[in-house]
Protein backbone atom coordinates (compact mmCIF):
# COMPACT_ATOMS: atom_id res chain seq x y z
CA UNK A 1 15.38 178.04 104.11
CA UNK A 2 15.89 174.52 104.26
CA UNK A 3 15.75 173.67 100.70
CA UNK A 4 17.72 170.37 100.84
CA UNK A 5 18.70 170.84 97.32
CA UNK A 6 16.23 173.82 95.77
CA UNK A 7 13.85 171.55 93.86
CA UNK A 8 10.81 173.08 92.72
CA UNK A 9 13.06 176.53 92.22
CA UNK A 10 10.35 178.02 89.94
CA UNK A 11 7.49 177.76 92.34
CA UNK A 12 10.03 179.04 95.30
CA UNK A 13 10.36 182.14 93.00
CA UNK A 14 6.94 182.64 93.01
CA UNK A 15 6.09 182.03 96.44
CA UNK A 16 8.79 184.30 97.63
CA UNK A 17 7.84 187.05 95.30
CA UNK A 18 4.00 187.06 96.89
CA UNK A 19 5.08 186.64 100.50
CA UNK A 20 7.39 189.57 100.34
CA UNK A 21 4.71 191.66 98.40
CA UNK A 22 2.11 191.00 101.02
CA UNK A 23 4.48 190.65 104.25
CA UNK A 24 6.43 193.92 103.42
CA UNK A 25 9.59 191.84 103.95
CA UNK A 26 11.34 188.90 103.46
CA UNK A 27 10.36 185.50 104.16
CA UNK A 28 13.25 185.26 106.84
CA UNK A 29 11.58 188.07 109.03
CA UNK A 30 8.67 186.98 111.37
CA UNK A 31 5.29 185.59 111.16
CA UNK A 32 3.59 187.72 108.75
CA UNK A 33 0.25 187.43 110.62
CA UNK A 34 0.51 183.73 111.84
CA UNK A 35 1.58 184.63 114.95
CA UNK A 36 -2.24 183.50 116.31
CA UNK A 37 -2.62 180.46 114.65
CA UNK A 38 0.86 179.17 115.86
CA UNK A 39 0.14 180.72 119.55
CA UNK A 40 -3.20 178.46 119.54
CA UNK A 41 -1.39 175.55 118.09
CA UNK A 42 1.57 175.80 120.75
CA UNK A 43 -1.13 176.07 123.39
CA UNK A 44 -2.14 172.75 122.66
CA UNK A 45 1.21 170.96 122.70
CA UNK A 46 2.86 172.97 125.68
CA UNK A 47 2.06 172.76 129.29
CA UNK A 48 2.24 175.04 132.03
CA UNK A 49 5.61 175.24 133.79
CA UNK A 50 5.75 178.69 135.35
CA UNK A 51 4.74 177.35 138.88
CA UNK A 52 7.47 174.39 138.82
CA UNK A 53 10.60 174.61 140.59
CA UNK A 54 13.66 174.78 138.67
CA UNK A 55 14.74 171.95 136.88
CA UNK A 56 17.90 169.83 138.42
CA UNK A 57 18.62 167.80 135.52
CA UNK A 58 20.54 168.70 132.20
CA UNK A 59 19.14 167.85 128.58
CA UNK A 60 21.22 164.88 128.27
CA UNK A 61 19.97 163.57 132.17
CA UNK A 62 16.44 164.47 131.02
CA UNK A 63 16.67 162.76 128.07
CA UNK A 64 18.03 159.51 129.50
CA UNK A 65 15.34 159.57 132.33
CA UNK A 66 12.61 160.20 129.86
CA UNK A 67 12.93 156.38 128.35
CA UNK A 68 12.03 157.34 124.93
CA UNK A 69 15.17 159.08 123.77
CA UNK A 70 17.68 155.76 123.97
CA UNK A 71 18.40 156.11 120.26
CA UNK A 72 18.96 159.91 120.61
CA UNK A 73 21.48 159.60 123.52
CA UNK A 74 23.16 156.63 121.78
CA UNK A 75 23.89 159.09 118.77
CA UNK A 76 24.96 161.85 121.02
CA UNK A 77 27.28 159.60 122.67
CA UNK A 78 28.66 158.46 119.10
CA UNK A 79 28.68 162.02 117.83
CA UNK A 80 30.77 163.02 121.45
CA UNK A 81 28.25 165.72 122.23
CA UNK A 82 27.34 164.85 125.63
CA UNK A 83 29.78 167.15 127.40
CA UNK A 84 28.38 169.86 125.21
CA UNK A 85 24.81 169.05 126.08
CA UNK A 86 25.62 168.91 129.21
CA UNK A 87 27.40 172.13 129.70
CA UNK A 88 25.75 175.55 130.65
CA UNK A 89 24.06 176.19 127.47
CA UNK A 90 21.37 177.26 127.28
CA UNK A 91 20.20 174.96 124.47
CA UNK A 92 16.92 174.32 122.75
CA UNK A 93 16.79 170.64 121.23
CA UNK A 94 14.35 169.45 118.83
CA UNK A 95 14.50 165.54 120.20
CA UNK A 96 13.25 162.86 117.69
CA UNK A 97 11.85 160.01 119.65
CA UNK A 98 13.01 156.35 119.17
CA UNK A 99 10.00 156.23 116.95
CA UNK A 100 11.22 158.73 115.02
CA UNK A 101 14.66 157.12 114.01
CA UNK A 102 12.71 154.09 113.76
CA UNK A 103 11.29 155.68 110.55
CA UNK A 104 14.62 156.27 108.71
CA UNK A 105 15.36 153.99 106.03
CA UNK A 106 17.01 150.48 106.75
CA UNK A 107 20.41 150.81 107.70
CA UNK A 108 20.75 154.48 107.89
CA UNK A 109 21.26 154.56 111.61
CA UNK A 110 23.66 151.90 111.62
CA UNK A 111 25.71 153.63 109.09
CA UNK A 112 25.49 157.05 111.12
CA UNK A 113 26.77 155.37 113.88
CA UNK A 114 29.92 154.03 112.65
CA UNK A 115 33.18 156.06 113.58
CA UNK A 116 33.99 156.79 109.87
CA UNK A 117 30.52 158.79 110.04
CA UNK A 118 31.08 160.89 113.07
CA UNK A 119 31.20 164.08 111.31
CA UNK A 120 27.80 163.49 109.25
CA UNK A 121 26.20 162.23 112.38
CA UNK A 122 27.58 165.39 114.29
CA UNK A 123 26.15 167.54 111.59
CA UNK A 124 22.69 165.89 111.80
CA UNK A 125 22.30 165.94 115.43
CA UNK A 126 23.54 169.85 115.75
CA UNK A 127 21.00 170.42 113.28
CA UNK A 128 18.48 169.73 116.08
CA UNK A 129 20.09 172.17 118.51
CA UNK A 130 19.27 175.81 118.38
CA UNK A 131 21.54 177.82 120.83
CA UNK A 132 19.69 179.68 123.52
CA UNK A 133 16.44 179.01 125.03
CA UNK A 134 13.56 179.12 122.70
CA UNK A 135 9.92 178.31 124.64
CA UNK A 136 7.00 177.33 122.66
CA UNK A 137 5.69 180.74 123.37
CA UNK A 138 8.67 182.45 121.74
CA UNK A 139 8.37 180.11 119.09
CA UNK A 140 5.33 182.35 117.82
CA UNK A 141 7.38 185.02 116.74
CA UNK A 142 9.57 183.07 114.42
CA UNK A 143 9.52 180.96 111.11
CA UNK A 144 12.90 179.41 111.07
CA UNK A 145 15.68 179.72 113.64
CA UNK A 146 19.68 179.26 113.34
CA UNK A 147 20.80 176.00 114.16
CA UNK A 148 24.04 174.94 115.84
CA UNK A 149 24.85 173.34 112.73
CA UNK A 150 24.77 176.89 110.87
CA UNK A 151 21.63 176.10 108.54
CA UNK A 152 18.21 177.53 109.07
CA UNK A 153 15.26 174.97 110.11
CA UNK A 154 12.21 175.96 109.22
CA UNK A 155 8.94 176.48 111.80
CA UNK A 156 5.61 176.86 110.87
CA UNK A 157 1.93 176.09 111.98
CA UNK A 158 -0.53 174.74 109.66
CA UNK A 159 -3.56 172.82 109.69
CA UNK A 160 -3.36 172.86 113.71
CA UNK A 161 0.31 171.36 113.61
CA UNK A 162 3.21 173.27 114.47
CA UNK A 163 6.26 171.74 112.33
CA UNK A 164 9.95 171.76 112.21
CA UNK A 165 10.81 171.18 109.00
CA UNK A 166 9.22 167.82 107.94
CA UNK A 167 8.68 167.06 111.50
CA UNK A 168 5.49 167.19 113.73
CA UNK A 169 6.30 168.51 117.21
CA UNK A 170 4.54 166.66 119.44
CA UNK A 171 5.64 168.00 122.88
CA UNK A 172 7.06 171.11 124.23
CA UNK A 173 8.48 173.19 127.17
CA UNK A 174 10.28 170.22 128.54
CA UNK A 175 12.69 172.25 130.96
CA UNK A 176 15.82 171.23 131.93
CA UNK A 177 18.83 172.93 133.66
CA UNK A 178 20.51 174.25 130.76
CA UNK A 179 17.83 174.69 127.98
CA UNK A 180 14.56 173.24 126.82
CA UNK A 181 13.42 170.00 124.93
CA UNK A 182 10.62 170.06 122.28
CA UNK A 183 9.68 166.46 121.26
CA UNK A 184 9.53 166.09 117.40
CA UNK A 185 8.20 162.73 115.39
CA UNK A 186 10.94 162.82 112.70
CA UNK A 187 14.68 163.25 112.21
CA UNK A 188 15.06 166.45 110.59
CA UNK A 189 18.08 166.62 108.13
CA UNK A 190 20.38 169.24 107.12
CA UNK A 191 21.61 169.73 103.68
CA UNK A 192 24.87 167.85 102.78
CA UNK A 193 25.27 169.06 99.42
CA UNK A 194 27.87 171.89 98.96
CA UNK A 195 27.10 175.24 97.31
CA UNK A 196 28.12 174.09 93.71
CA UNK A 197 26.38 170.66 93.90
CA UNK A 198 23.30 172.74 95.26
CA UNK A 199 23.45 175.26 92.52
CA UNK A 200 23.90 172.53 89.89
CA UNK A 201 20.85 170.45 91.39
CA UNK A 202 18.62 173.42 90.62
CA UNK A 203 19.21 173.50 87.12
CA UNK A 204 19.06 177.31 86.81
CA UNK A 205 22.58 178.04 87.36
CA UNK A 206 24.41 176.72 84.59
CA UNK A 207 26.16 179.76 83.15
CA UNK A 208 27.17 180.54 86.98
CA UNK A 209 28.76 176.83 87.46
CA UNK A 210 30.42 177.27 84.10
CA UNK A 211 31.79 180.49 84.97
CA UNK A 212 32.79 179.34 88.28
CA UNK A 213 34.70 176.40 86.55
CA UNK A 214 36.30 178.72 84.01
CA UNK A 215 37.21 181.13 86.86
CA UNK A 216 38.89 178.12 89.04
CA UNK A 217 36.74 178.90 92.19
CA UNK A 218 34.62 175.86 91.74
CA UNK A 219 36.61 173.89 93.92
CA UNK A 220 36.66 176.69 96.42
CA UNK A 221 33.10 176.75 96.37
CA UNK A 222 33.16 173.30 97.15
CA UNK A 223 35.35 173.42 100.20
CA UNK A 224 34.81 174.12 103.94
CA UNK A 225 33.63 177.72 103.87
CA UNK A 226 30.96 178.80 105.06
CA UNK A 227 30.32 180.98 102.14
CA UNK A 228 27.46 183.26 101.24
CA UNK A 229 26.86 183.30 97.59
CA UNK A 230 24.29 185.75 95.61
CA UNK A 231 23.88 183.30 92.76
CA UNK A 232 22.60 185.13 89.17
CA UNK A 233 20.45 182.70 87.48
CA UNK A 234 20.94 181.75 83.67
CA UNK A 235 18.53 184.39 82.82
CA UNK A 236 20.59 186.95 84.70
CA UNK A 237 23.79 185.88 82.74
CA UNK A 238 21.82 185.70 79.15
CA UNK A 239 21.20 189.54 79.88
CA UNK A 240 24.48 190.58 79.49
CA UNK A 241 24.61 189.37 75.78
CA UNK A 242 28.07 188.26 74.20
CA UNK A 243 29.66 189.66 77.19
CA UNK A 244 29.37 186.25 78.94
CA UNK A 245 31.26 184.44 76.19
CA UNK A 246 33.78 186.96 76.18
CA UNK A 247 34.33 186.92 80.04
CA UNK A 248 34.95 183.03 79.46
CA UNK A 249 37.56 183.07 77.33
CA UNK A 250 40.92 182.36 79.07
CA UNK A 251 42.32 185.70 78.55
CA UNK A 252 39.93 187.09 80.79
CA UNK A 253 39.98 184.63 83.67
CA UNK A 254 41.28 187.33 85.99
CA UNK A 255 38.36 189.76 85.30
CA UNK A 256 35.69 186.88 85.38
CA UNK A 257 37.41 185.56 88.82
CA UNK A 258 36.98 189.17 90.02
CA UNK A 259 33.17 189.72 88.87
CA UNK A 260 32.36 186.00 90.69
CA UNK A 261 34.14 186.74 93.78
CA UNK A 262 32.34 190.10 93.98
CA UNK A 263 29.32 187.76 94.36
CA UNK A 264 30.54 185.74 97.52
CA UNK A 265 30.77 186.86 101.02
CA UNK A 266 32.88 185.00 103.52
CA UNK A 267 30.63 183.32 106.29
CA UNK A 268 27.00 182.44 106.77
CA UNK A 269 25.04 185.38 106.02
CA UNK A 270 21.35 184.91 106.20
CA UNK A 271 18.70 187.45 104.59
CA UNK A 272 17.73 189.23 107.86
CA UNK A 273 20.97 189.81 109.04
CA UNK A 274 22.01 191.05 105.58
CA UNK A 275 19.42 193.50 105.75
CA UNK A 276 20.33 194.36 109.56
CA UNK A 277 24.01 195.05 108.30
CA UNK A 278 23.15 197.20 105.09
CA UNK A 279 26.21 195.80 103.26
CA UNK A 280 28.83 192.62 103.25
CA UNK A 281 32.13 193.03 101.84
CA UNK A 282 32.95 190.49 98.96
CA UNK A 283 35.61 188.22 98.40
CA UNK A 284 36.91 190.78 95.54
CA UNK A 285 37.25 193.32 98.40
CA UNK A 286 34.18 195.16 97.29
CA UNK A 287 31.07 195.66 99.44
CA UNK A 288 27.75 194.88 98.10
CA UNK A 289 24.84 196.97 99.47
CA UNK A 290 21.66 195.35 100.67
CA UNK A 291 18.52 196.82 101.63
CA UNK A 292 14.81 196.85 100.76
CA UNK A 293 13.80 198.95 97.68
CA UNK A 294 9.87 199.82 97.06
CA UNK A 295 9.17 196.54 98.84
CA UNK A 296 11.68 194.52 97.14
CA UNK A 297 14.59 193.08 98.53
CA UNK A 298 17.87 194.01 96.49
CA UNK A 299 21.99 193.54 96.42
CA UNK A 300 23.28 196.81 94.23
CA UNK A 301 19.96 197.13 93.00
CA UNK A 302 19.95 193.43 91.68
CA UNK A 303 16.73 192.07 92.96
CA UNK A 304 17.12 189.17 95.49
CA UNK A 305 14.43 186.80 94.38
CA UNK A 306 15.20 183.71 96.71
CA UNK A 307 16.60 183.93 99.91
CA UNK A 308 18.29 181.67 102.59
CA UNK A 309 18.92 178.06 100.78
CA UNK A 310 21.17 176.27 102.65
CA UNK A 311 24.20 174.37 101.60
CA UNK A 312 26.36 172.29 103.51
CA UNK A 313 28.96 175.09 103.46
CA UNK A 314 27.40 177.90 103.25
CA UNK A 315 24.06 179.97 101.83
CA UNK A 316 22.70 181.04 98.84
CA UNK A 317 20.73 184.11 97.63
CA UNK A 318 19.20 183.89 94.06
CA UNK A 319 19.46 187.53 92.31
CA UNK A 320 17.98 188.40 88.96
CA UNK A 321 21.13 190.40 87.70
CA UNK A 322 24.89 189.89 87.61
CA UNK A 323 26.79 192.12 89.60
CA UNK A 324 29.64 194.66 88.67
CA UNK A 325 32.66 195.45 90.93
CA UNK A 326 33.61 199.11 90.44
């Protein structure tokens, strides 16, 4: 999920709960019956490439030749990604047109192209790239995809349109020698806020943030990462009663630190990968078991009520109970 800060989290909790029950699985799993709608939609914007000769031009050469991606090419050059996108790949590129870049707020593009903002520009551009060759036909089995940035981009079909995050896909399956290009009408943006900032913006993790600061872990969770955090809500901490106030005392810092580290896994582990693995080793050293229990996604028995909330340095899964290490 590309939440861009988890606004509307309460609504999100309801949606995930409903979707989970209807699909018999998590949001990150495939389609839930939407494949036919997307297939019909994708057939409108794609073209038959099966009888064409293998393309000789790579992604960059194809974009340059098209004439409608001048800004994208300039940005790729400024970010130092030309050689990467001319490499073997394969890559799938969701390519914003020049008109898409023109829709950005005034001064945004000029700011991004400055040398001091190369890191941010690279983050944005790699969010438009998915490793591997994903054609329109294959997209029908996806509702998200992991980008070269590390974050998930949402894919959906609704009202006769295919969307990637908030961008409309206007043309698909432009084949290149090292991948495929799908054209979009809006520049899509990854999350630029770290885990702590993302949790703070949500407004439902005040106790977790206070605990992380008390344990001296907040700064680490604002660092490079990436990390996966199983984040208990304020209500989850309230269920512990007076235990929380005890844990927040300076003399209990080590115990608090161990509890919080038990909620953190190194790396960016999305829900579908976590379920496949079945367990994950935490920074505390213990393992958290992840699975599906009576149609409910769980971590050590705690309900995972919202999954795959992207942050710039990791991913957050919201849980309804505080996990305790053994």
